[in-house]
Amino acid sequence: MEVINHTQKRSDKQLVVVMHLSQLLGYFIGFGSLIAPLIIWLTTKEKVIEMDEHGKAAVNFQISLLLYIVLSIPAILLLGLGILTLIMACVVGFIMPIVNAIRASNGESPSYFLTIRFIS
């Protein structure tokens, strides 16, 4: 017996935009910047056309930011330059989700600055 899957992917730019903007929850809730896009991406990547590409980019960006922040803390004690890395991570972590939400609403591919590709 053959099982046929009739589910088709739909285009939902608003959900992709919300996924990018959900990264800003980290400024209000601790790990909300990683958890919210991860949940949205995992639950809708088979249902929404562009969600897989945008979700991977957002999760990779948040993991990269977390790594930069963790590495900047000892750098503050050792070199004093870690404070610049920490400030840069906070600024980039606030600006890039907004930029990529605008790109998603225009139908463009995501482009995150200094992202390490953990998930490909």
Protein backbone atom coordinates (compact mmCIF):
# COMPACT_ATOMS: atom_id res chain seq x y z
CA MET A 1 0.00 0.00 0.00
CA GLU A 2 1.42 3.34 -1.01
CA VAL A 3 0.94 6.38 1.18
CA ILE A 4 0.63 9.61 -0.74
CA ASN A 5 1.33 12.84 1.03
CA HIS A 6 -0.90 15.57 -0.35
CA THR A 7 0.50 18.37 1.78
CA GLN A 8 1.78 21.24 -0.25
CA LYS A 9 4.04 23.98 0.96
CA ARG A 10 2.47 27.39 1.17
CA SER A 11 4.03 30.81 0.95
CA ASP A 12 3.74 32.64 4.26
CA LYS A 13 6.04 35.66 4.32
CA GLN A 14 4.47 36.98 7.52
CA LEU A 15 5.44 33.85 9.45
CA VAL A 16 9.01 34.09 8.14
CA VAL A 17 9.14 37.75 9.21
CA VAL A 18 7.79 36.84 12.66
CA MET A 19 10.42 34.10 12.95
CA HIS A 20 13.18 36.65 12.29
CA LEU A 21 11.70 39.19 14.70
CA SER A 22 11.25 36.52 17.39
CA GLN A 23 15.03 36.66 17.83
CA LEU A 24 14.53 39.97 19.60
CA LEU A 25 12.87 38.12 22.49
CA GLY A 26 16.36 37.55 23.88
CA TYR A 27 16.39 41.15 25.07
CA PHE A 28 13.31 40.43 27.21
CA ILE A 29 13.60 36.69 27.97
CA GLY A 30 16.93 34.92 28.51
CA PHE A 31 17.24 32.29 25.77
CA GLY A 32 14.15 33.42 23.87
CA SER A 33 16.31 34.59 21.00
CA LEU A 34 17.34 31.00 20.26
CA ILE A 35 14.32 29.02 21.46
CA ALA A 36 11.56 30.95 19.64
CA PRO A 37 13.06 30.81 16.10
CA LEU A 38 14.10 27.20 16.68
CA ILE A 39 10.54 26.17 17.58
CA ILE A 40 9.00 28.13 14.70
CA TRP A 41 11.53 26.70 12.23
CA LEU A 42 11.18 23.08 13.39
CA THR A 43 7.39 23.13 13.37
CA THR A 44 6.89 24.84 10.00
CA LYS A 45 9.89 23.98 7.82
CA GLU A 46 7.89 21.37 5.85
CA LYS A 47 4.81 23.60 5.54
CA VAL A 48 6.19 27.00 4.51
CA ILE A 49 8.27 27.44 1.35
CA GLU A 50 11.10 29.70 2.53
CA MET A 51 11.10 28.69 6.19
CA ASP A 52 13.87 26.09 5.97
CA GLU A 53 16.41 28.50 4.50
CA HIS A 54 15.48 31.40 6.79
CA GLY A 55 15.16 29.21 9.88
CA LYS A 56 18.59 27.66 9.43
CA ALA A 57 20.12 31.09 8.96
CA ALA A 58 18.43 32.49 12.07
CA VAL A 59 19.35 29.54 14.28
CA ASN A 60 22.95 29.56 13.02
CA PHE A 61 23.11 33.29 13.73
CA GLN A 62 21.83 32.88 17.28
CA ILE A 63 24.22 30.00 18.04
CA SER A 64 27.09 32.09 16.63
CA LEU A 65 26.09 35.08 18.78
CA LEU A 66 25.91 32.86 21.85
CA LEU A 67 29.41 31.57 21.09
CA TYR A 68 30.77 35.11 20.60
CA ILE A 69 29.24 36.24 23.89
CA VAL A 70 30.61 33.24 25.80
CA LEU A 71 34.08 33.79 24.33
CA SER A 72 34.02 37.52 25.02
CA ILE A 73 33.54 37.06 28.77
CA PRO A 74 37.01 35.56 29.43
CA ALA A 75 38.45 38.02 26.89
CA ILE A 76 37.22 40.86 29.10
CA LEU A 77 39.30 39.53 31.98
CA LEU A 78 42.36 38.69 29.90
CA LEU A 79 42.65 41.45 27.35
CA GLY A 80 39.95 43.97 28.10
CA LEU A 81 38.96 43.87 24.43
CA GLY A 82 36.18 41.41 25.12
CA ILE A 83 33.93 44.30 26.09
CA LEU A 84 34.07 45.50 22.47
CA THR A 85 33.13 42.02 21.27
CA LEU A 86 30.26 41.91 23.75
CA ILE A 87 28.94 45.31 22.67
CA MET A 88 29.32 44.38 19.00
CA ALA A 89 27.44 41.11 19.53
CA CYS A 90 24.57 42.95 21.23
CA VAL A 91 24.33 45.59 18.50
CA VAL A 92 24.57 43.08 15.64
CA GLY A 93 22.12 40.78 17.47
CA PHE A 94 19.58 43.61 17.53
CA ILE A 95 20.04 44.99 14.01
CA MET A 96 20.42 41.85 11.88
CA PRO A 97 17.06 40.22 12.74
CA ILE A 98 15.30 43.45 11.74
CA VAL A 99 17.27 43.69 8.49
CA ASN A 100 16.54 40.06 7.63
CA ALA A 101 12.86 40.43 8.50
CA ILE A 102 12.71 43.22 5.92
CA ARG A 103 14.59 41.04 3.44
CA ALA A 104 12.15 38.17 4.09
CA SER A 105 9.15 40.43 3.51
CA ASN A 106 10.69 41.41 0.15
CA GLY A 107 11.21 37.76 -0.78
CA GLU A 108 15.02 37.88 -0.55
CA SER A 109 17.40 35.33 0.97
CA PRO A 110 18.69 35.91 4.51
CA SER A 111 22.16 37.33 5.03
CA TYR A 112 23.56 37.36 8.56
CA PHE A 113 26.87 38.99 9.41
CA LEU A 114 29.66 36.80 10.91
CA THR A 115 27.54 33.64 11.09
CA ILE A 116 29.13 30.24 11.56
CA ARG A 117 27.17 27.55 9.70
CA PHE A 118 26.45 24.92 12.35
CA ILE A 119 23.31 23.68 10.58
CA SER A 120 23.56 23.35 6.82
